Amino acid sequence: MLYVEKRCAMIRIRFNSDHDRVQGNWVLLKNTVSRRLRDDVFEIAEEDRKLLDAHQLSYTVLPVDPSASDNEIRIPITYEVQRWNGD
């Protein structure tokens, strides 16, 4: 059996409201593989936009600078939980 890895284009998004960001973060965590970057920016697969659209979440697609991708700092999920719990 030959395994061929599916490759997809990655995009960066920012949710347009706090409510959409919280809901979108939950949808992405439960259903996709995504990266959370600084300034509430998410890096997701292009095809995952359909999932966000199905949940009627509002977001803006941001430009991606391929040369800067390796220098991005990821935000651990524990930070997000602490931020919303007030810790």
PDB file of N, CA and C in Angstrom:
ATOM      1  N   MET A   1       0.853  -1.176   0.000  1.00  0.00           N
ATOM      2  CA  MET A   1       0.000   0.000   0.000  1.00  0.00           C
ATOM      3  C   MET A   1       0.897   1.236   0.000  1.00  0.00           C
ATOM      4  N   LEU A   2       0.581   2.157  -0.858  1.00  0.00           N
ATOM      5  CA  LEU A   2       1.336   3.389  -0.990  1.00  0.00           C
ATOM      6  C   LEU A   2       0.593   4.510  -0.278  1.00  0.00           C
ATOM      7  N   TYR A   3       1.294   5.149   0.633  1.00  0.00           N
ATOM      8  CA  TYR A   3       0.687   6.273   1.364  1.00  0.00           C
ATOM      9  C   TYR A   3       1.160   7.568   0.723  1.00  0.00           C
ATOM     10  N   VAL A   4       0.216   8.363   0.296  1.00  0.00           N
ATOM     11  CA  VAL A   4       0.525   9.661  -0.293  1.00  0.00           C
ATOM     12  C   VAL A   4      -0.023  10.729   0.651  1.00  0.00           C
ATOM     13  N   GLU A   5       0.866  11.567   1.130  1.00  0.00           N
ATOM     14  CA  GLU A   5       0.452  12.622   2.047  1.00  0.00           C
ATOM     15  C   GLU A   5      -0.305  13.704   1.297  1.00  0.00           C
ATOM     16  N   LYS A   6      -1.439  14.063   1.833  1.00  0.00           N
ATOM     17  CA  LYS A   6      -2.238  15.131   1.241  1.00  0.00           C
ATOM     18  C   LYS A   6      -1.622  16.466   1.628  1.00  0.00           C
ATOM     19  N   ARG A   7      -1.353  17.302   0.674  1.00  0.00           N
ATOM     20  CA  ARG A   7      -0.790  18.621   0.938  1.00  0.00           C
ATOM     21  C   ARG A   7      -1.842  19.675   0.645  1.00  0.00           C
ATOM     22  N   CYS A   8      -1.875  20.668   1.479  1.00  0.00           N
ATOM     23  CA  CYS A   8      -2.859  21.716   1.270  1.00  0.00           C
ATOM     24  C   CYS A   8      -2.223  23.065   1.573  1.00  0.00           C
ATOM     25  N   ALA A   9      -2.792  24.072   1.001  1.00  0.00           N
ATOM     26  CA  ALA A   9      -2.291  25.432   1.200  1.00  0.00           C
ATOM     27  C   ALA A   9      -2.689  25.915   2.586  1.00  0.00           C
ATOM     28  N   MET A  10      -1.762  26.588   3.237  1.00  0.00           N
ATOM     29  CA  MET A  10      -2.025  27.159   4.549  1.00  0.00           C
ATOM     30  C   MET A  10      -2.296  28.656   4.395  1.00  0.00           C
ATOM     31  N   ILE A  11      -3.240  29.131   5.176  1.00  0.00           N
ATOM     32  CA  ILE A  11      -3.554  30.555   5.187  1.00  0.00           C
ATOM     33  C   ILE A  11      -3.526  31.043   6.630  1.00  0.00           C
ATOM     34  N   ARG A  12      -3.466  32.340   6.799  1.00  0.00           N
ATOM     35  CA  ARG A  12      -3.535  32.942   8.133  1.00  0.00           C
ATOM     36  C   ARG A  12      -4.789  33.784   8.219  1.00  0.00           C
ATOM     37  N   ILE A  13      -5.441  33.670   9.364  1.00  0.00           N
ATOM     38  CA  ILE A  13      -6.680  34.418   9.580  1.00  0.00           C
ATOM     39  C   ILE A  13      -6.643  35.095  10.944  1.00  0.00           C
ATOM     40  N   ARG A  14      -7.480  36.108  11.071  1.00  0.00           N
ATOM     41  CA  ARG A  14      -7.751  36.748  12.353  1.00  0.00           C
ATOM     42  C   ARG A  14      -9.265  36.902  12.441  1.00  0.00           C
ATOM     43  N   PHE A  15      -9.826  36.458  13.545  1.00  0.00           N
ATOM     44  CA  PHE A  15     -11.267  36.576  13.737  1.00  0.00           C
ATOM     45  C   PHE A  15     -11.637  38.030  13.991  1.00  0.00           C
ATOM     46  N   ASN A  16     -12.822  38.423  13.536  1.00  0.00           N
ATOM     47  CA  ASN A  16     -13.231  39.821  13.577  1.00  0.00           C
ATOM     48  C   ASN A  16     -13.831  40.265  14.907  1.00  0.00           C
ATOM     49  N   SER A  17     -14.100  39.349  15.809  1.00  0.00           N
ATOM     50  CA  SER A  17     -14.616  39.719  17.128  1.00  0.00           C
ATOM     51  C   SER A  17     -14.102  38.720  18.157  1.00  0.00           C
ATOM     52  N   ASP A  18     -14.172  39.107  19.419  1.00  0.00           N
ATOM     53  CA  ASP A  18     -13.759  38.192  20.486  1.00  0.00           C
ATOM     54  C   ASP A  18     -14.633  36.948  20.507  1.00  0.00           C
ATOM     55  N   HIS A  19     -15.921  37.123  20.305  1.00  0.00           N
ATOM     56  CA  HIS A  19     -16.834  35.984  20.298  1.00  0.00           C
ATOM     57  C   HIS A  19     -16.470  35.003  19.186  1.00  0.00           C
ATOM     58  N   ASP A  20     -16.235  35.520  17.982  1.00  0.00           N
ATOM     59  CA  ASP A  20     -15.867  34.641  16.873  1.00  0.00           C
ATOM     60  C   ASP A  20     -14.521  33.969  17.123  1.00  0.00           C
ATOM     61  N   ARG A  21     -13.596  34.678  17.777  1.00  0.00           N
ATOM     62  CA  ARG A  21     -12.285  34.093  18.069  1.00  0.00           C
ATOM     63  C   ARG A  21     -12.401  32.931  19.047  1.00  0.00           C
ATOM     64  N   VAL A  22     -13.193  33.112  20.088  1.00  0.00           N
ATOM     65  CA  VAL A  22     -13.373  32.044  21.071  1.00  0.00           C
ATOM     66  C   VAL A  22     -14.058  30.845  20.422  1.00  0.00           C
ATOM     67  N   GLN A  23     -15.145  31.101  19.701  1.00  0.00           N
ATOM     68  CA  GLN A  23     -15.854  30.008  19.032  1.00  0.00           C
ATOM     69  C   GLN A  23     -14.988  29.353  17.957  1.00  0.00           C
ATOM     70  N   GLY A  24     -14.274  30.186  17.192  1.00  0.00           N
ATOM     71  CA  GLY A  24     -13.415  29.664  16.134  1.00  0.00           C
ATOM     72  C   GLY A  24     -12.275  28.837  16.679  1.00  0.00           C
ATOM     73  N   ASN A  25     -11.697  29.278  17.787  1.00  0.00           N
ATOM     74  CA  ASN A  25     -10.635  28.510  18.424  1.00  0.00           C
ATOM     75  C   ASN A  25     -11.139  27.133  18.816  1.00  0.00           C
ATOM     76  N   TRP A  26     -12.333  27.082  19.369  1.00  0.00           N
ATOM     77  CA  TRP A  26     -12.926  25.799  19.770  1.00  0.00           C
ATOM     78  C   TRP A  26     -13.178  24.907  18.549  1.00  0.00           C
ATOM     79  N   VAL A  27     -13.746  25.454  17.499  1.00  0.00           N
ATOM     80  CA  VAL A  27     -14.019  24.680  16.283  1.00  0.00           C
ATOM     81  C   VAL A  27     -12.710  24.143  15.698  1.00  0.00           C
ATOM     82  N   LEU A  28     -11.695  24.988  15.640  1.00  0.00           N
ATOM     83  CA  LEU A  28     -10.413  24.560  15.083  1.00  0.00           C
ATOM     84  C   LEU A  28      -9.755  23.487  15.950  1.00  0.00           C
ATOM     85  N   LEU A  29      -9.801  23.650  17.262  1.00  0.00           N
ATOM     86  CA  LEU A  29      -9.205  22.653  18.152  1.00  0.00           C
ATOM     87  C   LEU A  29      -9.873  21.295  18.034  1.00  0.00           C
ATOM     88  N   LYS A  30     -11.175  21.290  17.906  1.00  0.00           N
ATOM     89  CA  LYS A  30     -11.924  20.035  17.858  1.00  0.00           C
ATOM     90  C   LYS A  30     -11.850  19.332  16.506  1.00  0.00           C
ATOM     91  N   ASN A  31     -11.620  20.079  15.418  1.00  0.00           N
ATOM     92  CA  ASN A  31     -11.803  19.497  14.091  1.00  0.00           C
ATOM     93  C   ASN A  31     -10.612  19.585  13.142  1.00  0.00           C
ATOM     94  N   THR A  32      -9.573  20.310  13.495  1.00  0.00           N
ATOM     95  CA  THR A  32      -8.493  20.531  12.538  1.00  0.00           C
ATOM     96  C   THR A  32      -7.133  20.477  13.224  1.00  0.00           C
ATOM     97  N   VAL A  33      -6.123  20.612  12.410  1.00  0.00           N
ATOM     98  CA  VAL A  33      -4.776  20.851  12.899  1.00  0.00           C
ATOM     99  C   VAL A  33      -4.444  22.279  12.492  1.00  0.00           C
ATOM    100  N   SER A  34      -4.217  23.131  13.471  1.00  0.00           N
ATOM    101  CA  SER A  34      -3.950  24.539  13.183  1.00  0.00           C
ATOM    102  C   SER A  34      -2.891  25.048  14.143  1.00  0.00           C
ATOM    103  N   ARG A  35      -2.344  26.197  13.825  1.00  0.00           N
ATOM    104  CA  ARG A  35      -1.353  26.840  14.690  1.00  0.00           C
ATOM    105  C   ARG A  35      -1.881  28.185  15.139  1.00  0.00           C
ATOM    106  N   ARG A  36      -1.678  28.480  16.388  1.00  0.00           N
ATOM    107  CA  ARG A  36      -2.045  29.780  16.939  1.00  0.00           C
ATOM    108  C   ARG A  36      -0.766  30.597  17.032  1.00  0.00           C
ATOM    109  N   LEU A  37      -0.752  31.759  16.409  1.00  0.00           N
ATOM    110  CA  LEU A  37       0.411  32.632  16.413  1.00  0.00           C
ATOM    111  C   LEU A  37       0.129  33.867  17.258  1.00  0.00           C
ATOM    112  N   ARG A  38       1.095  34.737  17.383  1.00  0.00           N
ATOM    113  CA  ARG A  38       0.913  35.982  18.128  1.00  0.00           C
ATOM    114  C   ARG A  38      -0.199  36.835  17.555  1.00  0.00           C
ATOM    115  N   ASP A  39      -0.673  37.741  18.377  1.00  0.00           N
ATOM    116  CA  ASP A  39      -1.686  38.725  17.970  1.00  0.00           C
ATOM    117  C   ASP A  39      -2.982  38.082  17.490  1.00  0.00           C
ATOM    118  N   ASP A  40      -3.338  36.964  18.098  1.00  0.00           N
ATOM    119  CA  ASP A  40      -4.596  36.277  17.765  1.00  0.00           C
ATOM    120  C   ASP A  40      -4.690  35.897  16.286  1.00  0.00           C
ATOM    121  N   VAL A  41      -3.582  35.505  15.699  1.00  0.00           N
ATOM    122  CA  VAL A  41      -3.545  35.038  14.312  1.00  0.00           C
ATOM    123  C   VAL A  41      -3.511  33.516  14.332  1.00  0.00           C
ATOM    124  N   PHE A  42      -4.311  32.913  13.463  1.00  0.00           N
ATOM    125  CA  PHE A  42      -4.359  31.462  13.335  1.00  0.00           C
ATOM    126  C   PHE A  42      -3.862  31.072  11.955  1.00  0.00           C
ATOM    127  N   GLU A  43      -3.087  30.001  11.883  1.00  0.00           N
ATOM    128  CA  GLU A  43      -2.658  29.454  10.602  1.00  0.00           C
ATOM    129  C   GLU A  43      -3.431  28.153  10.416  1.00  0.00           C
ATOM    130  N   ILE A  44      -4.224  28.102   9.359  1.00  0.00           N
ATOM    131  CA  ILE A  44      -5.098  26.956   9.109  1.00  0.00           C
ATOM    132  C   ILE A  44      -4.960  26.517   7.661  1.00  0.00           C
ATOM    133  N   ALA A  45      -5.453  25.325   7.381  1.00  0.00           N
ATOM    134  CA  ALA A  45      -5.493  24.842   6.002  1.00  0.00           C
ATOM    135  C   ALA A  45      -6.586  25.593   5.244  1.00  0.00           C
ATOM    136  N   GLU A  46      -6.319  25.872   3.999  1.00  0.00           N
ATOM    137  CA  GLU A  46      -7.296  26.587   3.152  1.00  0.00           C
ATOM    138  C   GLU A  46      -8.664  25.890   3.194  1.00  0.00           C
ATOM    139  N   GLU A  47      -8.662  24.572   3.170  1.00  0.00           N
ATOM    140  CA  GLU A  47      -9.929  23.833   3.147  1.00  0.00           C
ATOM    141  C   GLU A  47     -10.717  23.959   4.453  1.00  0.00           C
ATOM    142  N   ASP A  48     -10.061  24.351   5.547  1.00  0.00           N
ATOM    143  CA  ASP A  48     -10.752  24.509   6.833  1.00  0.00           C
ATOM    144  C   ASP A  48     -11.612  25.766   6.886  1.00  0.00           C
ATOM    145  N   ARG A  49     -11.474  26.633   5.902  1.00  0.00           N
ATOM    146  CA  ARG A  49     -12.350  27.812   5.839  1.00  0.00           C
ATOM    147  C   ARG A  49     -13.813  27.391   5.713  1.00  0.00           C
ATOM    148  N   LYS A  50     -14.055  26.284   5.028  1.00  0.00           N
ATOM    149  CA  LYS A  50     -15.429  25.792   4.878  1.00  0.00           C
ATOM    150  C   LYS A  50     -16.043  25.481   6.240  1.00  0.00           C
ATOM    151  N   LEU A  51     -15.246  24.923   7.124  1.00  0.00           N
ATOM    152  CA  LEU A  51     -15.721  24.597   8.464  1.00  0.00           C
ATOM    153  C   LEU A  51     -16.079  25.874   9.240  1.00  0.00           C
ATOM    154  N   LEU A  52     -15.219  26.876   9.160  1.00  0.00           N
ATOM    155  CA  LEU A  52     -15.504  28.142   9.837  1.00  0.00           C
ATOM    156  C   LEU A  52     -16.732  28.825   9.235  1.00  0.00           C
ATOM    157  N   ASP A  53     -16.842  28.772   7.922  1.00  0.00           N
ATOM    158  CA  ASP A  53     -18.006  29.369   7.252  1.00  0.00           C
ATOM    159  C   ASP A  53     -19.295  28.644   7.640  1.00  0.00           C
ATOM    160  N   ALA A  54     -19.226  27.329   7.791  1.00  0.00           N
ATOM    161  CA  ALA A  54     -20.406  26.558   8.190  1.00  0.00           C
ATOM    162  C   ALA A  54     -20.885  26.953   9.582  1.00  0.00           C
ATOM    163  N   HIS A  55     -19.956  27.381  10.435  1.00  0.00           N
ATOM    164  CA  HIS A  55     -20.314  27.829  11.782  1.00  0.00           C
ATOM    165  C   HIS A  55     -20.599  29.337  11.824  1.00  0.00           C
ATOM    166  N   GLN A  56     -20.619  29.969  10.661  1.00  0.00           N
ATOM    167  CA  GLN A  56     -20.920  31.395  10.508  1.00  0.00           C
ATOM    168  C   GLN A  56     -20.011  32.276  11.365  1.00  0.00           C
ATOM    169  N   LEU A  57     -18.712  31.976  11.312  1.00  0.00           N
ATOM    170  CA  LEU A  57     -17.722  32.757  12.048  1.00  0.00           C
ATOM    171  C   LEU A  57     -17.084  33.762  11.104  1.00  0.00           C
ATOM    172  N   SER A  58     -16.948  34.978  11.573  1.00  0.00           N
ATOM    173  CA  SER A  58     -16.408  36.065  10.758  1.00  0.00           C
ATOM    174  C   SER A  58     -14.905  36.200  11.002  1.00  0.00           C
ATOM    175  N   TYR A  59     -14.133  36.218   9.896  1.00  0.00           N
ATOM    176  CA  TYR A  59     -12.686  36.316   9.996  1.00  0.00           C
ATOM    177  C   TYR A  59     -12.131  37.039   8.783  1.00  0.00           C
ATOM    178  N   THR A  60     -10.888  37.462   8.890  1.00  0.00           N
ATOM    179  CA  THR A  60     -10.197  38.128   7.793  1.00  0.00           C
ATOM    180  C   THR A  60      -8.973  37.294   7.427  1.00  0.00           C
ATOM    181  N   VAL A  61      -8.785  37.062   6.135  1.00  0.00           N
ATOM    182  CA  VAL A  61      -7.606  36.342   5.662  1.00  0.00           C
ATOM    183  C   VAL A  61      -6.452  37.340   5.589  1.00  0.00           C
ATOM    184  N   LEU A  62      -5.325  36.957   6.172  1.00  0.00           N
ATOM    185  CA  LEU A  62      -4.145  37.814   6.227  1.00  0.00           C
ATOM    186  C   LEU A  62      -3.083  37.328   5.239  1.00  0.00           C
ATOM    187  N   PRO A  63      -2.253  38.234   4.754  1.00  0.00           N
ATOM    188  CA  PRO A  63      -1.175  37.816   3.862  1.00  0.00           C
ATOM    189  C   PRO A  63      -0.132  37.002   4.633  1.00  0.00           C
ATOM    190  N   VAL A  64       0.479  36.040   3.940  1.00  0.00           N
ATOM    191  CA  VAL A  64       1.514  35.204   4.536  1.00  0.00           C
ATOM    192  C   VAL A  64       2.833  35.531   3.861  1.00  0.00           C
ATOM    193  N   ASP A  65       3.830  35.846   4.687  1.00  0.00           N
ATOM    194  CA  ASP A  65       5.180  36.080   4.188  1.00  0.00           C
ATOM    195  C   ASP A  65       5.966  34.790   4.403  1.00  0.00           C
ATOM    196  N   PRO A  66       6.184  34.003   3.338  1.00  0.00           N
ATOM    197  CA  PRO A  66       6.840  32.697   3.503  1.00  0.00           C
ATOM    198  C   PRO A  66       8.224  32.789   4.130  1.00  0.00           C
ATOM    199  N   SER A  67       8.930  33.864   3.930  1.00  0.00           N
ATOM    200  CA  SER A  67      10.277  33.975   4.483  1.00  0.00           C
ATOM    201  C   SER A  67      10.264  34.201   5.994  1.00  0.00           C
ATOM    202  N   ALA A  68       9.149  34.688   6.529  1.00  0.00           N
ATOM    203  CA  ALA A  68       9.070  34.984   7.957  1.00  0.00           C
ATOM    204  C   ALA A  68       8.401  33.870   8.761  1.00  0.00           C
ATOM    205  N   SER A  69       7.871  32.854   8.112  1.00  0.00           N
ATOM    206  CA  SER A  69       7.110  31.811   8.804  1.00  0.00           C
ATOM    207  C   SER A  69       7.896  31.108   9.894  1.00  0.00           C
ATOM    208  N   ASP A  70       9.171  30.860   9.661  1.00  0.00           N
ATOM    209  CA  ASP A  70       9.962  30.142  10.649  1.00  0.00           C
ATOM    210  C   ASP A  70      10.223  30.966  11.902  1.00  0.00           C
ATOM    211  N   ASN A  71      10.088  32.267  11.816  1.00  0.00           N
ATOM    212  CA  ASN A  71      10.358  33.131  12.953  1.00  0.00           C
ATOM    213  C   ASN A  71       9.120  33.429  13.796  1.00  0.00           C
ATOM    214  N   GLU A  72       7.954  32.931  13.390  1.00  0.00           N
ATOM    215  CA  GLU A  72       6.724  33.183  14.136  1.00  0.00           C
ATOM    216  C   GLU A  72       6.766  32.463  15.480  1.00  0.00           C
ATOM    217  N   ILE A  73       6.203  33.081  16.476  1.00  0.00           N
ATOM    218  CA  ILE A  73       6.144  32.479  17.802  1.00  0.00           C
ATOM    219  C   ILE A  73       4.748  31.922  18.017  1.00  0.00           C
ATOM    220  N   ARG A  74       4.690  30.659  18.351  1.00  0.00           N
ATOM    221  CA  ARG A  74       3.408  30.015  18.615  1.00  0.00           C
ATOM    222  C   ARG A  74       2.978  30.310  20.048  1.00  0.00           C
ATOM    223  N   ILE A  75       1.681  30.426  20.235  1.00  0.00           N
ATOM    224  CA  ILE A  75       1.120  30.681  21.556  1.00  0.00           C
ATOM    225  C   ILE A  75       0.578  29.352  22.089  1.00  0.00           C
ATOM    226  N   PRO A  76       1.077  28.867  23.235  1.00  0.00           N
ATOM    227  CA  PRO A  76       0.566  27.604  23.768  1.00  0.00           C
ATOM    228  C   PRO A  76      -0.875  27.733  24.233  1.00  0.00           C
ATOM    229  N   ILE A  77      -1.616  26.644  24.130  1.00  0.00           N
ATOM    230  CA  ILE A  77      -3.039  26.651  24.499  1.00  0.00           C
ATOM    231  C   ILE A  77      -3.205  26.997  25.975  1.00  0.00           C
ATOM    232  N   THR A  78      -2.235  26.666  26.809  1.00  0.00           N
ATOM    233  CA  THR A  78      -2.355  26.992  28.232  1.00  0.00           C
ATOM    234  C   THR A  78      -2.427  28.488  28.447  1.00  0.00           C
ATOM    235  N   TYR A  79      -1.757  29.264  27.611  1.00  0.00           N
ATOM    236  CA  TYR A  79      -1.830  30.717  27.708  1.00  0.00           C
ATOM    237  C   TYR A  79      -3.252  31.207  27.450  1.00  0.00           C
ATOM    238  N   GLU A  80      -3.887  30.654  26.421  1.00  0.00           N
ATOM    239  CA  GLU A  80      -5.254  31.059  26.079  1.00  0.00           C
ATOM    240  C   GLU A  80      -6.208  30.744  27.222  1.00  0.00           C
ATOM    241  N   VAL A  81      -6.078  29.571  27.810  1.00  0.00           N
ATOM    242  CA  VAL A  81      -6.953  29.177  28.914  1.00  0.00           C
ATOM    243  C   VAL A  81      -6.718  30.096  30.103  1.00  0.00           C
ATOM    244  N   GLN A  82      -5.461  30.366  30.418  1.00  0.00           N
ATOM    245  CA  GLN A  82      -5.160  31.248  31.550  1.00  0.00           C
ATOM    246  C   GLN A  82      -5.690  32.655  31.285  1.00  0.00           C
ATOM    247  N   ARG A  83      -5.567  33.124  30.044  1.00  0.00           N
ATOM    248  CA  ARG A  83      -6.005  34.476  29.723  1.00  0.00           C
ATOM    249  C   ARG A  83      -7.501  34.627  29.946  1.00  0.00           C
ATOM    250  N   TRP A  84      -8.286  33.628  29.575  1.00  0.00           N
ATOM    251  CA  TRP A  84      -9.733  33.742  29.713  1.00  0.00           C
ATOM    252  C   TRP A  84     -10.209  33.411  31.123  1.00  0.00           C
ATOM    253  N   ASN A  85      -9.393  32.682  31.903  1.00  0.00           N
ATOM    254  CA  ASN A  85      -9.756  32.388  33.287  1.00  0.00           C
ATOM    255  C   ASN A  85      -9.287  33.478  34.237  1.00  0.00           C
ATOM    256  N   GLY A  86      -8.488  34.422  33.749  1.00  0.00           N
ATOM    257  CA  GLY A  86      -8.003  35.511  34.571  1.00  0.00           C
ATOM    258  C   GLY A  86      -6.800  35.151  35.423  1.00  0.00           C
ATOM    259  N   ASP A  87      -6.163  34.025  35.138  1.00  0.00           N
ATOM    260  CA  ASP A  87      -4.977  33.603  35.908  1.00  0.00           C
ATOM    261  C   ASP A  87      -3.769  34.433  35.517  1.00  0.00           C
TER     262      ASP A  87
END
